[in-house]
PDB file of N, CA and C in Angstrom:
ATOM      1  N   MET A   1       0.862  -1.184  -0.012  1.00  0.00           N
ATOM      2  CA  MET A   1      -0.010   0.028  -0.022  1.00  0.00           C
ATOM      3  C   MET A   1       0.752   1.223  -0.052  1.00  0.00           C
ATOM      4  N   LYS A   2       1.253   1.633  -1.136  1.00  0.00           N
ATOM      5  CA  LYS A   2       2.185   2.622  -1.249  1.00  0.00           C
ATOM      6  C   LYS A   2       1.402   4.153  -0.714  1.00  0.00           C
ATOM      7  N   TRP A   3       0.159   4.250  -1.127  1.00  0.00           N
ATOM      8  CA  TRP A   3      -0.604   5.419  -0.669  1.00  0.00           C
ATOM      9  C   TRP A   3      -0.630   5.694   0.943  1.00  0.00           C
ATOM     10  N   PHE A   4      -0.547   4.742   1.611  1.00  0.00           N
ATOM     11  CA  PHE A   4      -0.607   4.719   3.023  1.00  0.00           C
ATOM     12  C   PHE A   4       0.686   4.787   3.694  1.00  0.00           C
ATOM     13  N   ASN A   5       0.759   6.162   4.283  1.00  0.00           N
ATOM     14  CA  ASN A   5       2.094   6.443   4.851  1.00  0.00           C
ATOM     15  C   ASN A   5       1.730   7.129   6.177  1.00  0.00           C
ATOM     16  N   SER A   6       2.843   7.724   6.875  1.00  0.00           N
ATOM     17  CA  SER A   6       2.316   8.567   8.200  1.00  0.00           C
ATOM     18  C   SER A   6       1.568   9.700   7.889  1.00  0.00           C
ATOM     19  N   ASN A   7       1.726  10.507   6.708  1.00  0.00           N
ATOM     20  CA  ASN A   7       1.020  11.689   6.372  1.00  0.00           C
ATOM     21  C   ASN A   7      -0.637  11.424   6.157  1.00  0.00           C
ATOM     22  N   SER A   8      -0.855  10.205   5.421  1.00  0.00           N
ATOM     23  CA  SER A   8      -2.129   9.702   5.237  1.00  0.00           C
ATOM     24  C   SER A   8      -2.848   9.214   6.334  1.00  0.00           C
ATOM     25  N   PHE A   9      -2.200   8.601   7.414  1.00  0.00           N
ATOM     26  CA  PHE A   9      -2.455   8.151   8.571  1.00  0.00           C
ATOM     27  C   PHE A   9      -2.933   9.231   9.569  1.00  0.00           C
ATOM     28  N   HIS A  10      -2.165  10.393   9.556  1.00  0.00           N
ATOM     29  CA  HIS A  10      -2.262  11.825  10.315  1.00  0.00           C
ATOM     30  C   HIS A  10      -3.502  12.352   9.581  1.00  0.00           C
ATOM     31  N   ASN A  11      -3.816  12.253   8.319  1.00  0.00           N
ATOM     32  CA  ASN A  11      -5.065  12.930   7.804  1.00  0.00           C
ATOM     33  C   ASN A  11      -6.313  11.937   8.120  1.00  0.00           C
ATOM     34  N   PHE A  12      -6.057  10.836   8.170  1.00  0.00           N
ATOM     35  CA  PHE A  12      -7.256   9.911   8.696  1.00  0.00           C
ATOM     36  C   PHE A  12      -7.615  10.270  10.211  1.00  0.00           C
ATOM     37  N   LEU A  13      -6.702  10.608  11.031  1.00  0.00           N
ATOM     38  CA  LEU A  13      -6.882  10.945  12.396  1.00  0.00           C
ATOM     39  C   LEU A  13      -7.460  12.210  12.587  1.00  0.00           C
ATOM     40  N   ASN A  14      -7.143  13.186  11.496  1.00  0.00           N
ATOM     41  CA  ASN A  14      -7.868  14.504  11.389  1.00  0.00           C
ATOM     42  C   ASN A  14      -9.402  14.373  11.172  1.00  0.00           C
ATOM     43  N   VAL A  15      -9.733  13.465  10.363  1.00  0.00           N
ATOM     44  CA  VAL A  15     -11.053  13.131   9.975  1.00  0.00           C
ATOM     45  C   VAL A  15     -11.679  12.481  11.116  1.00  0.00           C
ATOM     46  N   LEU A  16     -11.177  11.579  11.709  1.00  0.00           N
ATOM     47  CA  LEU A  16     -11.740  11.003  12.983  1.00  0.00           C
ATOM     48  C   LEU A  16     -12.224  11.940  14.121  1.00  0.00           C
ATOM     49  N   ILE A  17     -11.227  12.826  14.232  1.00  0.00           N
ATOM     50  CA  ILE A  17     -11.283  14.016  15.406  1.00  0.00           C
ATOM     51  C   ILE A  17     -12.281  14.870  15.116  1.00  0.00           C
ATOM     52  N   THR A  18     -12.484  15.138  13.857  1.00  0.00           N
ATOM     53  CA  THR A  18     -13.640  16.158  13.389  1.00  0.00           C
ATOM     54  C   THR A  18     -15.016  15.396  13.463  1.00  0.00           C
ATOM     55  N   ILE A  19     -14.913  14.160  13.176  1.00  0.00           N
ATOM     56  CA  ILE A  19     -16.300  13.676  13.387  1.00  0.00           C
ATOM     57  C   ILE A  19     -16.675  13.352  14.819  1.00  0.00           C
ATOM     58  N   ILE A  20     -15.780  12.893  15.567  1.00  0.00           N
ATOM     59  CA  ILE A  20     -16.193  12.676  17.110  1.00  0.00           C
ATOM     60  C   ILE A  20     -16.202  13.905  17.757  1.00  0.00           C
ATOM     61  N   CYS A  21     -15.222  14.755  17.694  1.00  0.00           N
ATOM     62  CA  CYS A  21     -15.406  16.163  18.561  1.00  0.00           C
ATOM     63  C   CYS A  21     -16.471  16.982  17.824  1.00  0.00           C
ATOM     64  N   GLY A  22     -16.482  17.066  16.558  1.00  0.00           N
ATOM     65  CA  GLY A  22     -17.489  18.059  15.911  1.00  0.00           C
ATOM     66  C   GLY A  22     -18.959  17.583  16.215  1.00  0.00           C
ATOM     67  N   GLY A  23     -19.187  16.173  16.322  1.00  0.00           N
ATOM     68  CA  GLY A  23     -20.318  15.687  16.639  1.00  0.00           C
ATOM     69  C   GLY A  23     -20.675  16.170  18.200  1.00  0.00           C
ATOM     70  N   ALA A  24     -19.716  16.080  19.102  1.00  0.00           N
ATOM     71  CA  ALA A  24     -20.006  16.639  20.329  1.00  0.00           C
ATOM     72  C   ALA A  24     -20.361  18.159  20.435  1.00  0.00           C
ATOM     73  N   LEU A  25     -19.651  18.634  19.677  1.00  0.00           N
ATOM     74  CA  LEU A  25     -19.958  20.357  19.598  1.00  0.00           C
ATOM     75  C   LEU A  25     -21.360  20.639  19.192  1.00  0.00           C
ATOM     76  N   VAL A  26     -21.729  19.832  18.187  1.00  0.00           N
ATOM     77  CA  VAL A  26     -23.169  20.248  17.653  1.00  0.00           C
ATOM     78  C   VAL A  26     -24.195  19.549  18.492  1.00  0.00           C
ATOM     79  N   GLY A  27     -23.930  18.842  19.441  1.00  0.00           N
ATOM     80  CA  GLY A  27     -25.094  18.053  20.178  1.00  0.00           C
ATOM     81  C   GLY A  27     -25.514  16.800  19.752  1.00  0.00           C
ATOM     82  N   PHE A  28     -24.505  16.077  18.758  1.00  0.00           N
ATOM     83  CA  PHE A  28     -24.743  14.940  18.476  1.00  0.00           C
ATOM     84  C   PHE A  28     -24.949  13.984  19.610  1.00  0.00           C
ATOM     85  N   ASP A  29     -26.062  13.030  19.658  1.00  0.00           N
ATOM     86  CA  ASP A  29     -26.144  12.045  20.647  1.00  0.00           C
ATOM     87  C   ASP A  29     -25.380  10.823  20.644  1.00  0.00           C
ATOM     88  N   TRP A  30     -24.330  10.754  21.349  1.00  0.00           N
ATOM     89  CA  TRP A  30     -23.318   9.600  21.107  1.00  0.00           C
ATOM     90  C   TRP A  30     -23.856   8.445  22.113  1.00  0.00           C
ATOM     91  N   THR A  31     -24.811   8.713  22.994  1.00  0.00           N
ATOM     92  CA  THR A  31     -25.325   7.643  23.899  1.00  0.00           C
ATOM     93  C   THR A  31     -25.893   6.652  22.965  1.00  0.00           C
ATOM     94  N   MET A  32     -26.427   6.710  21.734  1.00  0.00           N
ATOM     95  CA  MET A  32     -27.152   5.635  20.953  1.00  0.00           C
ATOM     96  C   MET A  32     -26.006   4.687  20.735  1.00  0.00           C
ATOM     97  N   PHE A  33     -24.863   4.959  20.838  1.00  0.00           N
ATOM     98  CA  PHE A  33     -23.659   4.172  20.482  1.00  0.00           C
ATOM     99  C   PHE A  33     -22.934   3.658  21.729  1.00  0.00           C
ATOM    100  N   GLY A  34     -23.445   4.140  22.762  1.00  0.00           N
ATOM    101  CA  GLY A  34     -22.918   3.655  24.031  1.00  0.00           C
ATOM    102  C   GLY A  34     -21.776   4.400  24.472  1.00  0.00           C
ATOM    103  N   VAL A  35     -21.641   5.820  23.949  1.00  0.00           N
ATOM    104  CA  VAL A  35     -20.397   6.574  24.211  1.00  0.00           C
ATOM    105  C   VAL A  35     -21.089   7.883  24.854  1.00  0.00           C
ATOM    106  N   THR A  36     -20.601   8.228  26.004  1.00  0.00           N
ATOM    107  CA  THR A  36     -21.035   9.615  26.339  1.00  0.00           C
ATOM    108  C   THR A  36     -20.146  10.856  25.755  1.00  0.00           C
ATOM    109  N   ASP A  37     -20.688  11.913  26.012  1.00  0.00           N
ATOM    110  CA  ASP A  37     -19.863  12.990  25.584  1.00  0.00           C
ATOM    111  C   ASP A  37     -18.572  13.125  25.975  1.00  0.00           C
ATOM    112  N   ARG A  38     -18.439  12.866  27.361  1.00  0.00           N
ATOM    113  CA  ARG A  38     -17.157  12.798  27.989  1.00  0.00           C
ATOM    114  C   ARG A  38     -16.151  12.014  27.373  1.00  0.00           C
ATOM    115  N   THR A  39     -16.648  10.793  26.937  1.00  0.00           N
ATOM    116  CA  THR A  39     -15.820   9.709  26.392  1.00  0.00           C
ATOM    117  C   THR A  39     -15.673  10.033  24.827  1.00  0.00           C
ATOM    118  N   ALA A  40     -16.453  10.624  24.280  1.00  0.00           N
ATOM    119  CA  ALA A  40     -16.012  11.033  22.886  1.00  0.00           C
ATOM    120  C   ALA A  40     -15.017  12.084  22.871  1.00  0.00           C
ATOM    121  N   LEU A  41     -15.087  12.979  23.907  1.00  0.00           N
ATOM    122  CA  LEU A  41     -13.796  13.908  23.849  1.00  0.00           C
ATOM    123  C   LEU A  41     -12.594  13.394  24.312  1.00  0.00           C
ATOM    124  N   GLN A  42     -12.603  12.458  25.265  1.00  0.00           N
ATOM    125  CA  GLN A  42     -11.497  11.641  25.510  1.00  0.00           C
ATOM    126  C   GLN A  42     -10.825  10.826  24.449  1.00  0.00           C
ATOM    127  N   ILE A  43     -11.722  10.266  23.524  1.00  0.00           N
ATOM    128  CA  ILE A  43     -11.051   9.611  22.251  1.00  0.00           C
ATOM    129  C   ILE A  43     -10.614  10.665  21.401  1.00  0.00           C
ATOM    130  N   SER A  44     -11.290  11.821  21.145  1.00  0.00           N
ATOM    131  CA  SER A  44     -10.652  12.634  20.234  1.00  0.00           C
ATOM    132  C   SER A  44      -9.365  13.274  20.862  1.00  0.00           C
ATOM    133  N   GLY A  45      -9.240  13.374  22.102  1.00  0.00           N
ATOM    134  CA  GLY A  45      -8.015  13.902  22.802  1.00  0.00           C
ATOM    135  C   GLY A  45      -6.927  12.804  22.618  1.00  0.00           C
ATOM    136  N   SER A  46      -7.161  11.703  22.824  1.00  0.00           N
ATOM    137  CA  SER A  46      -6.370  10.514  22.590  1.00  0.00           C
ATOM    138  C   SER A  46      -5.783  10.628  21.227  1.00  0.00           C
ATOM    139  N   LEU A  47      -6.679  10.796  20.224  1.00  0.00           N
ATOM    140  CA  LEU A  47      -6.329  10.783  18.779  1.00  0.00           C
ATOM    141  C   LEU A  47      -5.443  11.951  18.506  1.00  0.00           C
ATOM    142  N   ALA A  48      -5.740  13.174  19.178  1.00  0.00           N
ATOM    143  CA  ALA A  48      -4.871  14.317  18.965  1.00  0.00           C
ATOM    144  C   ALA A  48      -3.503  13.948  19.453  1.00  0.00           C
ATOM    145  N   LEU A  49      -3.472  13.456  20.677  1.00  0.00           N
ATOM    146  CA  LEU A  49      -2.024  12.989  21.292  1.00  0.00           C
ATOM    147  C   LEU A  49      -1.348  11.923  20.362  1.00  0.00           C
ATOM    148  N   LEU A  50      -2.000  11.057  19.765  1.00  0.00           N
ATOM    149  CA  LEU A  50      -1.438  10.179  18.766  1.00  0.00           C
ATOM    150  C   LEU A  50      -0.896  10.906  17.579  1.00  0.00           C
ATOM    151  N   LYS A  51      -1.524  11.969  17.090  1.00  0.00           N
ATOM    152  CA  LYS A  51      -1.005  12.754  16.020  1.00  0.00           C
ATOM    153  C   LYS A  51       0.250  13.463  16.345  1.00  0.00           C
ATOM    154  N   LEU A  52       0.446  13.997  17.753  1.00  0.00           N
ATOM    155  CA  LEU A  52       1.607  14.542  18.121  1.00  0.00           C
ATOM    156  C   LEU A  52       2.834  13.628  18.121  1.00  0.00           C
ATOM    157  N   VAL A  53       2.564  12.387  18.624  1.00  0.00           N
ATOM    158  CA  VAL A  53       3.544  11.369  18.742  1.00  0.00           C
ATOM    159  C   VAL A  53       4.113  10.944  17.431  1.00  0.00           C
ATOM    160  N   ILE A  54       3.033  10.851  16.364  1.00  0.00           N
ATOM    161  CA  ILE A  54       3.417  10.473  15.091  1.00  0.00           C
ATOM    162  C   ILE A  54       4.419  11.578  14.453  1.00  0.00           C
ATOM    163  N   ASN A  55       4.049  12.744  14.821  1.00  0.00           N
ATOM    164  CA  ASN A  55       4.903  14.020  14.161  1.00  0.00           C
ATOM    165  C   ASN A  55       6.105  13.974  14.936  1.00  0.00           C
ATOM    166  N   ALA A  56       6.236  13.798  16.277  1.00  0.00           N
ATOM    167  CA  ALA A  56       7.583  13.787  16.919  1.00  0.00           C
ATOM    168  C   ALA A  56       8.610  12.692  16.473  1.00  0.00           C
ATOM    169  N   VAL A  57       7.806  11.266  16.336  1.00  0.00           N
ATOM    170  CA  VAL A  57       8.708  10.194  15.572  1.00  0.00           C
ATOM    171  C   VAL A  57       9.027  10.699  14.181  1.00  0.00           C
ATOM    172  N   ARG A  58       8.178  11.071  13.471  1.00  0.00           N
ATOM    173  CA  ARG A  58       8.514  11.096  12.031  1.00  0.00           C
ATOM    174  C   ARG A  58       9.484  12.266  11.784  1.00  0.00           C
ATOM    175  N   ASP A  59       9.419  13.490  12.326  1.00  0.00           N
ATOM    176  CA  ASP A  59      10.084  14.675  12.144  1.00  0.00           C
ATOM    177  C   ASP A  59      10.866  14.943  13.197  1.00  0.00           C
ATOM    178  N   GLY A  60      10.816  14.255  14.550  1.00  0.00           N
ATOM    179  CA  GLY A  60      11.785  14.794  15.498  1.00  0.00           C
ATOM    180  C   GLY A  60      11.320  16.123  16.122  1.00  0.00           C
ATOM    181  N   PRO A  61      11.564  16.246  17.476  1.00  0.00           N
ATOM    182  CA  PRO A  61      11.061  17.520  18.129  1.00  0.00           C
ATOM    183  C   PRO A  61      11.316  18.893  17.318  1.00  0.00           C
ATOM    184  N   THR A  62      12.634  18.834  16.921  1.00  0.00           N
ATOM    185  CA  THR A  62      12.907  20.099  16.202  1.00  0.00           C
ATOM    186  C   THR A  62      12.305  20.362  14.849  1.00  0.00           C
ATOM    187  N   GLY A  63      11.937  19.159  14.355  1.00  0.00           N
ATOM    188  CA  GLY A  63      11.297  19.268  13.068  1.00  0.00           C
ATOM    189  C   GLY A  63       9.781  19.561  13.169  1.00  0.00           C
ATOM    190  N   MET A  64       9.265  19.433  14.275  1.00  0.00           N
ATOM    191  CA  MET A  64       7.856  19.907  14.514  1.00  0.00           C
ATOM    192  C   MET A  64       7.842  21.605  14.726  1.00  0.00           C
ATOM    193  N   VAL A  65       8.959  22.100  15.056  1.00  0.00           N
ATOM    194  CA  VAL A  65       8.877  23.715  15.049  1.00  0.00           C
ATOM    195  C   VAL A  65       9.639  24.355  13.989  1.00  0.00           C
ATOM    196  N   ALA A  66      10.223  23.564  13.258  1.00  0.00           N
ATOM    197  CA  ALA A  66      11.095  24.069  11.979  1.00  0.00           C
ATOM    198  C   ALA A  66      10.079  24.646  10.974  1.00  0.00           C
ATOM    199  N   PRO A  67      10.583  25.743  10.235  1.00  0.00           N
ATOM    200  CA  PRO A  67       9.771  26.167   9.144  1.00  0.00           C
ATOM    201  C   PRO A  67       9.651  24.961   8.048  1.00  0.00           C
ATOM    202  N   PRO A  68       8.318  24.957   7.550  1.00  0.00           N
ATOM    203  CA  PRO A  68       8.298  23.907   6.459  1.00  0.00           C
ATOM    204  C   PRO A  68       9.098  24.155   5.235  1.00  0.00           C
ATOM    205  N   PRO A  69       9.319  23.019   4.493  1.00  0.00           N
ATOM    206  CA  PRO A  69      10.281  23.193   3.282  1.00  0.00           C
ATOM    207  C   PRO A  69       9.452  23.886   2.182  1.00  0.00           C
ATOM    208  N   PRO A  70       9.950  24.414   1.304  1.00  0.00           N
ATOM    209  CA  PRO A  70       9.063  24.928   0.181  1.00  0.00           C
ATOM    210  C   PRO A  70       8.366  23.888  -0.789  1.00  0.00           C
ATOM    211  N   ALA A  71       7.238  24.405  -0.979  1.00  0.00           N
ATOM    212  CA  ALA A  71       6.229  23.434  -1.789  1.00  0.00           C
ATOM    213  C   ALA A  71       6.984  23.155  -3.234  1.00  0.00           C
ATOM    214  N   GLU A  72       6.865  21.791  -3.749  1.00  0.00           N
ATOM    215  CA  GLU A  72       7.418  21.490  -4.851  1.00  0.00           C
ATOM    216  C   GLU A  72       6.458  21.925  -6.002  1.00  0.00           C
ATOM    217  N   GLU A  73       6.875  22.572  -7.101  1.00  0.00           N
ATOM    218  CA  GLU A  73       6.178  22.900  -8.284  1.00  0.00           C
ATOM    219  C   GLU A  73       6.048  21.819  -9.252  1.00  0.00           C
ATOM    220  N   LYS A  74       4.824  21.680  -9.673  1.00  0.00           N
ATOM    221  CA  LYS A  74       4.557  20.586 -10.777  1.00  0.00           C
ATOM    222  C   LYS A  74       4.500  21.052 -12.107  1.00  0.00           C
TER     223      LYS A  74
END
């Protein structure tokens, strides 16, 4: 799976966080899935922490604060 890399996984986590946390913010009823609002926020917080860990492993702590490289022109 050449398309699946740390960046695509990072983007997938972004989508999950938006679905879980965004649903909690607009009053989505997570209880029908057996998940309370508090648990939904804990899940999204854990996913956000996982994103930070992925970035720290992939880029290193200094890479996380360094300016991004210039974009490639196609």
